[in-house]
Amino acid sequence: MRRGIAILGSTGSIGKQAIEVIGLHPDRFFVTALTAHKNAELLFEQVRALRPRLAALTGVERPIQVPDDLSFCEFRFGSKALVDVAREAEGEDVLAAVVGVDFSTDWYEQQIHRLSLSILLLTLLALVVG
């Protein structure tokens, strides 16, 4: 059975490495959501390649023009979008590869069961890059 993973911070180094690891195992994993701070072009490329249903630019407060070919994906904008995507993403796991984020305690407690694969991915990343 394939596991769905939301990647918060997909354009950063850990997020990109997680995508690389997921790409090595398409029979086991798929991406359900992606977020980036401001790197819209890379996020758009990732959405094209991975086809998540949900994506966000968290460092952009006003909506920007999303390319027409990405209409299959719902885009969110602004600082609140990060937690919203984490809450609403389908799938079993959330990899939070972001810094300086204050996730509410309630959200964190609700998501604790989703962290096991994220820890596994981080371990795999350490092996890949280490």
N, C-alpha and C. Protein backbone atom coordinates (compact mmCIF):
# COMPACT_ATOMS: atom_id res chain seq x y z
N MET A 1 0.83 -1.18 0.00
CA MET A 1 0.00 0.00 0.00
C MET A 1 0.88 1.25 0.00
N ARG A 2 0.55 2.20 -0.87
CA ARG A 2 1.31 3.46 -0.95
C ARG A 2 0.89 4.40 0.17
N ARG A 3 1.87 5.13 0.72
CA ARG A 3 1.60 6.10 1.78
C ARG A 3 1.65 7.50 1.20
N GLY A 4 0.66 8.30 1.57
CA GLY A 4 0.61 9.69 1.14
C GLY A 4 1.39 10.57 2.10
N ILE A 5 2.17 11.49 1.54
CA ILE A 5 3.03 12.35 2.34
C ILE A 5 2.84 13.80 1.91
N ALA A 6 2.62 14.68 2.89
CA ALA A 6 2.62 16.12 2.65
C ALA A 6 4.01 16.64 3.04
N ILE A 7 4.60 17.45 2.18
CA ILE A 7 5.93 17.98 2.46
C ILE A 7 5.83 19.49 2.65
N LEU A 8 6.03 19.92 3.88
CA LEU A 8 6.04 21.34 4.20
C LEU A 8 7.48 21.82 4.08
N GLY A 9 7.73 22.73 3.17
CA GLY A 9 9.10 23.18 2.92
C GLY A 9 9.73 22.38 1.80
N SER A 10 8.98 22.13 0.75
CA SER A 10 9.45 21.25 -0.33
C SER A 10 10.57 21.83 -1.17
N THR A 11 10.76 23.14 -1.15
CA THR A 11 11.80 23.75 -1.99
C THR A 11 13.12 23.92 -1.26
N GLY A 12 13.15 23.64 0.04
CA GLY A 12 14.39 23.71 0.80
C GLY A 12 15.20 22.43 0.62
N SER A 13 16.38 22.39 1.20
CA SER A 13 17.27 21.24 0.99
C SER A 13 16.67 19.94 1.51
N ILE A 14 16.08 19.94 2.68
CA ILE A 14 15.49 18.70 3.21
C ILE A 14 14.28 18.31 2.39
N GLY A 15 13.44 19.28 2.03
CA GLY A 15 12.28 18.98 1.20
C GLY A 15 12.65 18.38 -0.14
N LYS A 16 13.67 18.96 -0.79
CA LYS A 16 14.11 18.44 -2.09
C LYS A 16 14.69 17.03 -1.95
N GLN A 17 15.42 16.78 -0.87
CA GLN A 17 15.97 15.44 -0.65
C GLN A 17 14.86 14.44 -0.35
N ALA A 18 13.84 14.86 0.37
CA ALA A 18 12.70 13.98 0.64
C ALA A 18 12.01 13.61 -0.67
N ILE A 19 11.84 14.59 -1.55
CA ILE A 19 11.23 14.32 -2.85
C ILE A 19 12.08 13.32 -3.64
N GLU A 20 13.39 13.47 -3.55
CA GLU A 20 14.29 12.53 -4.23
C GLU A 20 14.11 11.11 -3.69
N VAL A 21 14.04 10.98 -2.38
CA VAL A 21 13.84 9.65 -1.76
C VAL A 21 12.49 9.07 -2.16
N ILE A 22 11.45 9.90 -2.12
CA ILE A 22 10.11 9.44 -2.52
C ILE A 22 10.13 8.98 -3.98
N GLY A 23 10.85 9.73 -4.83
CA GLY A 23 10.96 9.37 -6.24
C GLY A 23 11.63 8.03 -6.48
N LEU A 24 12.47 7.61 -5.56
CA LEU A 24 13.12 6.30 -5.67
C LEU A 24 12.18 5.16 -5.32
N HIS A 25 11.04 5.49 -4.70
CA HIS A 25 10.11 4.46 -4.24
C HIS A 25 8.67 4.82 -4.59
N PRO A 26 8.37 5.01 -5.88
CA PRO A 26 7.01 5.41 -6.26
C PRO A 26 5.95 4.34 -5.96
N ASP A 27 6.40 3.12 -5.77
CA ASP A 27 5.48 2.04 -5.42
C ASP A 27 5.08 2.08 -3.95
N ARG A 28 5.80 2.89 -3.15
CA ARG A 28 5.54 2.95 -1.71
C ARG A 28 5.00 4.30 -1.25
N PHE A 29 5.31 5.39 -1.98
CA PHE A 29 4.95 6.73 -1.52
C PHE A 29 4.38 7.59 -2.64
N PHE A 30 3.54 8.54 -2.27
CA PHE A 30 3.09 9.58 -3.19
C PHE A 30 2.91 10.87 -2.40
N VAL A 31 3.01 12.00 -3.09
CA VAL A 31 2.94 13.30 -2.43
C VAL A 31 1.51 13.83 -2.50
N THR A 32 0.99 14.23 -1.35
CA THR A 32 -0.38 14.75 -1.27
C THR A 32 -0.44 16.27 -1.23
N ALA A 33 0.63 16.91 -0.73
CA ALA A 33 0.64 18.37 -0.62
C ALA A 33 2.09 18.86 -0.55
N LEU A 34 2.29 20.09 -1.02
CA LEU A 34 3.61 20.72 -0.99
C LEU A 34 3.45 22.17 -0.53
N THR A 35 4.44 22.65 0.23
CA THR A 35 4.47 24.07 0.54
C THR A 35 5.88 24.60 0.33
N ALA A 36 5.95 25.89 0.02
CA ALA A 36 7.21 26.59 -0.10
C ALA A 36 7.02 27.97 0.50
N HIS A 37 8.12 28.62 0.85
CA HIS A 37 7.99 29.96 1.41
C HIS A 37 7.73 30.98 0.30
N LYS A 38 8.69 31.17 -0.60
CA LYS A 38 8.51 32.15 -1.69
C LYS A 38 8.94 31.65 -3.06
N ASN A 39 9.55 30.49 -3.15
CA ASN A 39 10.09 30.02 -4.42
C ASN A 39 8.98 29.42 -5.29
N ALA A 40 8.21 30.31 -5.91
CA ALA A 40 7.06 29.89 -6.69
C ALA A 40 7.45 29.03 -7.89
N GLU A 41 8.50 29.41 -8.60
CA GLU A 41 8.87 28.67 -9.81
C GLU A 41 9.22 27.22 -9.50
N LEU A 42 10.02 27.00 -8.45
CA LEU A 42 10.37 25.62 -8.09
C LEU A 42 9.14 24.87 -7.58
N LEU A 43 8.31 25.54 -6.79
CA LEU A 43 7.09 24.88 -6.32
C LEU A 43 6.21 24.47 -7.50
N PHE A 44 6.07 25.35 -8.49
CA PHE A 44 5.27 25.00 -9.67
C PHE A 44 5.86 23.78 -10.39
N GLU A 45 7.19 23.72 -10.51
CA GLU A 45 7.84 22.55 -11.13
C GLU A 45 7.53 21.28 -10.34
N GLN A 46 7.63 21.38 -9.01
CA GLN A 46 7.37 20.22 -8.16
C GLN A 46 5.92 19.77 -8.28
N VAL A 47 4.99 20.72 -8.33
CA VAL A 47 3.57 20.37 -8.46
C VAL A 47 3.34 19.68 -9.80
N ARG A 48 3.97 20.17 -10.86
CA ARG A 48 3.83 19.50 -12.16
C ARG A 48 4.31 18.06 -12.11
N ALA A 49 5.43 17.85 -11.46
CA ALA A 49 6.03 16.51 -11.43
C ALA A 49 5.32 15.55 -10.48
N LEU A 50 4.87 16.07 -9.34
CA LEU A 50 4.35 15.18 -8.29
C LEU A 50 2.83 15.14 -8.19
N ARG A 51 2.17 16.14 -8.78
CA ARG A 51 0.72 16.20 -8.88
C ARG A 51 -0.03 16.10 -7.54
N PRO A 52 0.37 16.88 -6.55
CA PRO A 52 -0.40 16.89 -5.31
C PRO A 52 -1.73 17.61 -5.52
N ARG A 53 -2.67 17.39 -4.64
CA ARG A 53 -3.96 18.07 -4.74
C ARG A 53 -3.94 19.45 -4.08
N LEU A 54 -2.92 19.69 -3.24
CA LEU A 54 -2.88 20.92 -2.45
C LEU A 54 -1.45 21.44 -2.40
N ALA A 55 -1.29 22.77 -2.52
CA ALA A 55 0.03 23.40 -2.44
C ALA A 55 -0.14 24.80 -1.88
N ALA A 56 0.96 25.34 -1.34
CA ALA A 56 0.89 26.69 -0.77
C ALA A 56 2.22 27.41 -0.87
N LEU A 57 2.11 28.72 -1.02
CA LEU A 57 3.24 29.64 -0.89
C LEU A 57 2.98 30.42 0.39
N THR A 58 3.76 30.14 1.41
CA THR A 58 3.47 30.69 2.73
C THR A 58 4.05 32.08 2.97
N GLY A 59 5.02 32.48 2.17
CA GLY A 59 5.62 33.80 2.32
C GLY A 59 5.03 34.83 1.38
N VAL A 60 3.96 34.48 0.73
CA VAL A 60 3.28 35.36 -0.22
C VAL A 60 1.86 35.58 0.30
N GLU A 61 1.58 36.77 0.79
CA GLU A 61 0.29 37.03 1.42
C GLU A 61 -0.87 37.18 0.43
N ARG A 62 -0.58 37.69 -0.74
CA ARG A 62 -1.64 37.86 -1.75
C ARG A 62 -1.48 36.79 -2.81
N PRO A 63 -2.59 36.26 -3.29
CA PRO A 63 -2.51 35.24 -4.34
C PRO A 63 -1.76 35.75 -5.56
N ILE A 64 -0.97 34.88 -6.14
CA ILE A 64 -0.28 35.21 -7.39
C ILE A 64 -0.88 34.34 -8.49
N GLN A 65 -0.54 34.67 -9.71
CA GLN A 65 -1.04 33.91 -10.86
C GLN A 65 -0.43 32.52 -10.88
N VAL A 66 -1.27 31.51 -10.85
CA VAL A 66 -0.83 30.12 -10.94
C VAL A 66 -0.98 29.69 -12.40
N PRO A 67 0.04 29.05 -12.96
CA PRO A 67 -0.05 28.62 -14.36
C PRO A 67 -1.29 27.74 -14.60
N ASP A 68 -1.88 27.92 -15.77
CA ASP A 68 -3.10 27.19 -16.13
C ASP A 68 -2.95 25.68 -16.06
N ASP A 69 -1.76 25.17 -16.37
CA ASP A 69 -1.58 23.72 -16.39
C ASP A 69 -1.56 23.10 -14.98
N LEU A 70 -1.65 23.93 -13.95
CA LEU A 70 -1.67 23.43 -12.57
C LEU A 70 -3.06 23.52 -11.95
N SER A 71 -4.08 23.60 -12.78
CA SER A 71 -5.44 23.77 -12.28
C SER A 71 -5.94 22.55 -11.48
N PHE A 72 -5.28 21.43 -11.60
CA PHE A 72 -5.66 20.24 -10.83
C PHE A 72 -5.32 20.37 -9.35
N CYS A 73 -4.50 21.36 -9.00
CA CYS A 73 -4.01 21.54 -7.64
C CYS A 73 -4.61 22.81 -7.03
N GLU A 74 -5.08 22.72 -5.80
CA GLU A 74 -5.59 23.89 -5.10
C GLU A 74 -4.42 24.61 -4.43
N PHE A 75 -4.28 25.90 -4.70
CA PHE A 75 -3.19 26.69 -4.12
C PHE A 75 -3.70 27.58 -3.01
N ARG A 76 -2.90 27.69 -1.95
CA ARG A 76 -3.17 28.59 -0.83
C ARG A 76 -1.99 29.55 -0.70
N PHE A 77 -2.26 30.70 -0.07
CA PHE A 77 -1.23 31.72 0.08
C PHE A 77 -1.27 32.30 1.48
N GLY A 78 -0.10 32.70 1.99
CA GLY A 78 -0.01 33.38 3.27
C GLY A 78 0.49 32.49 4.39
N SER A 79 0.84 33.13 5.49
CA SER A 79 1.44 32.42 6.62
C SER A 79 0.51 31.38 7.23
N LYS A 80 -0.78 31.62 7.20
CA LYS A 80 -1.74 30.67 7.75
C LYS A 80 -1.84 29.39 6.90
N ALA A 81 -1.45 29.48 5.66
CA ALA A 81 -1.59 28.37 4.73
C ALA A 81 -0.77 27.15 5.14
N LEU A 82 0.35 27.36 5.82
CA LEU A 82 1.20 26.23 6.20
C LEU A 82 0.46 25.26 7.11
N VAL A 83 -0.13 25.78 8.18
CA VAL A 83 -0.86 24.92 9.11
C VAL A 83 -2.13 24.39 8.45
N ASP A 84 -2.78 25.20 7.63
CA ASP A 84 -3.97 24.73 6.92
C ASP A 84 -3.66 23.54 6.03
N VAL A 85 -2.57 23.63 5.29
CA VAL A 85 -2.18 22.51 4.41
C VAL A 85 -1.85 21.27 5.24
N ALA A 86 -1.13 21.46 6.32
CA ALA A 86 -0.79 20.32 7.19
C ALA A 86 -2.05 19.66 7.74
N ARG A 87 -3.02 20.44 8.09
CA ARG A 87 -4.27 19.89 8.63
C ARG A 87 -5.10 19.19 7.56
N GLU A 88 -5.15 19.77 6.37
CA GLU A 88 -6.08 19.31 5.35
C GLU A 88 -5.49 18.30 4.37
N ALA A 89 -4.20 18.13 4.38
CA ALA A 89 -3.58 17.22 3.41
C ALA A 89 -4.05 15.79 3.64
N GLU A 90 -4.36 15.15 2.55
CA GLU A 90 -4.70 13.73 2.62
C GLU A 90 -3.44 12.93 2.86
N GLY A 91 -3.59 11.71 3.25
CA GLY A 91 -2.43 10.85 3.42
C GLY A 91 -2.12 10.56 4.87
N GLU A 92 -1.08 9.81 5.07
CA GLU A 92 -0.73 9.33 6.40
C GLU A 92 0.31 10.18 7.12
N ASP A 93 1.13 10.93 6.38
CA ASP A 93 2.28 11.56 7.00
C ASP A 93 2.49 13.00 6.55
N VAL A 94 3.10 13.77 7.45
CA VAL A 94 3.49 15.15 7.15
C VAL A 94 4.97 15.28 7.50
N LEU A 95 5.76 15.71 6.53
CA LEU A 95 7.16 16.01 6.78
C LEU A 95 7.27 17.52 6.90
N ALA A 96 7.56 18.01 8.09
CA ALA A 96 7.69 19.45 8.33
C ALA A 96 9.16 19.84 8.23
N ALA A 97 9.58 20.21 7.04
CA ALA A 97 10.97 20.59 6.77
C ALA A 97 11.05 22.11 6.70
N VAL A 98 10.53 22.77 7.73
CA VAL A 98 10.51 24.22 7.80
C VAL A 98 11.10 24.67 9.13
N VAL A 99 11.55 25.91 9.18
CA VAL A 99 12.10 26.45 10.43
C VAL A 99 11.28 27.64 10.87
N GLY A 100 11.31 27.90 12.17
CA GLY A 100 10.66 29.08 12.72
C GLY A 100 9.16 29.06 12.67
N VAL A 101 8.56 27.89 12.76
CA VAL A 101 7.10 27.78 12.69
C VAL A 101 6.57 27.40 14.06
N ASP A 102 5.53 28.10 14.48
CA ASP A 102 4.88 27.81 15.76
C ASP A 102 3.60 27.03 15.50
N PHE A 103 3.73 25.72 15.42
CA PHE A 103 2.54 24.89 15.27
C PHE A 103 1.82 24.86 16.61
N SER A 104 0.52 25.03 16.56
CA SER A 104 -0.24 25.02 17.81
C SER A 104 -0.17 23.65 18.46
N THR A 105 -0.26 23.60 19.77
CA THR A 105 -0.20 22.35 20.51
C THR A 105 -1.32 21.41 20.07
N ASP A 106 -2.53 21.94 19.89
CA ASP A 106 -3.65 21.10 19.46
C ASP A 106 -3.35 20.43 18.13
N TRP A 107 -2.83 21.20 17.19
CA TRP A 107 -2.52 20.61 15.89
C TRP A 107 -1.45 19.53 16.05
N TYR A 108 -0.41 19.85 16.80
CA TYR A 108 0.68 18.90 16.97
C TYR A 108 0.18 17.60 17.60
N GLU A 109 -0.63 17.70 18.64
CA GLU A 109 -1.15 16.50 19.30
C GLU A 109 -2.01 15.68 18.36
N GLN A 110 -2.79 16.34 17.51
CA GLN A 110 -3.63 15.62 16.56
C GLN A 110 -2.80 14.91 15.49
N GLN A 111 -1.62 15.44 15.20
CA GLN A 111 -0.81 14.91 14.12
C GLN A 111 0.29 13.96 14.58
N ILE A 112 0.41 13.73 15.87
CA ILE A 112 1.53 12.93 16.39
C ILE A 112 1.62 11.57 15.70
N HIS A 113 0.48 10.97 15.38
CA HIS A 113 0.50 9.67 14.71
C HIS A 113 1.03 9.74 13.29
N ARG A 114 1.09 10.94 12.72
CA ARG A 114 1.56 11.09 11.35
C ARG A 114 3.07 11.26 11.26
N LEU A 115 3.76 11.31 12.38
CA LEU A 115 5.17 11.65 12.36
C LEU A 115 6.11 10.48 12.13
N SER A 116 5.66 9.26 12.27
CA SER A 116 6.58 8.12 12.19
C SER A 116 7.30 8.06 10.85
N LEU A 117 6.59 8.22 9.75
CA LEU A 117 7.25 8.15 8.45
C LEU A 117 8.15 9.35 8.23
N SER A 118 7.78 10.51 8.77
CA SER A 118 8.63 11.68 8.64
C SER A 118 9.99 11.42 9.28
N ILE A 119 9.98 10.79 10.43
CA ILE A 119 11.23 10.44 11.09
C ILE A 119 11.99 9.43 10.24
N LEU A 120 11.29 8.48 9.68
CA LEU A 120 11.92 7.50 8.79
C LEU A 120 12.54 8.20 7.59
N LEU A 121 11.81 9.15 6.99
CA LEU A 121 12.36 9.86 5.84
C LEU A 121 13.60 10.63 6.21
N LEU A 122 13.60 11.28 7.34
CA LEU A 122 14.77 12.02 7.76
C LEU A 122 15.96 11.08 7.97
N THR A 123 15.69 9.89 8.49
CA THR A 123 16.76 8.89 8.67
C THR A 123 17.29 8.45 7.31
N LEU A 124 16.37 8.20 6.38
CA LEU A 124 16.80 7.81 5.03
C LEU A 124 17.60 8.92 4.36
N LEU A 125 17.16 10.17 4.57
CA LEU A 125 17.90 11.28 3.99
C LEU A 125 19.31 11.36 4.55
N ALA A 126 19.44 11.12 5.84
CA ALA A 126 20.76 11.15 6.46
C ALA A 126 21.65 10.09 5.83
N LEU A 127 21.09 8.92 5.51
CA LEU A 127 21.86 7.87 4.88
C LEU A 127 22.22 8.23 3.44
N VAL A 128 21.28 8.87 2.74
CA VAL A 128 21.52 9.23 1.34
C VAL A 128 22.60 10.30 1.23
N VAL A 129 22.51 11.34 2.06
CA VAL A 129 23.47 12.43 1.96
C VAL A 129 24.69 12.24 2.84
N GLY A 130 24.56 11.39 3.85
CA GLY A 130 25.67 11.17 4.79
C GLY A 130 26.71 10.33 4.16
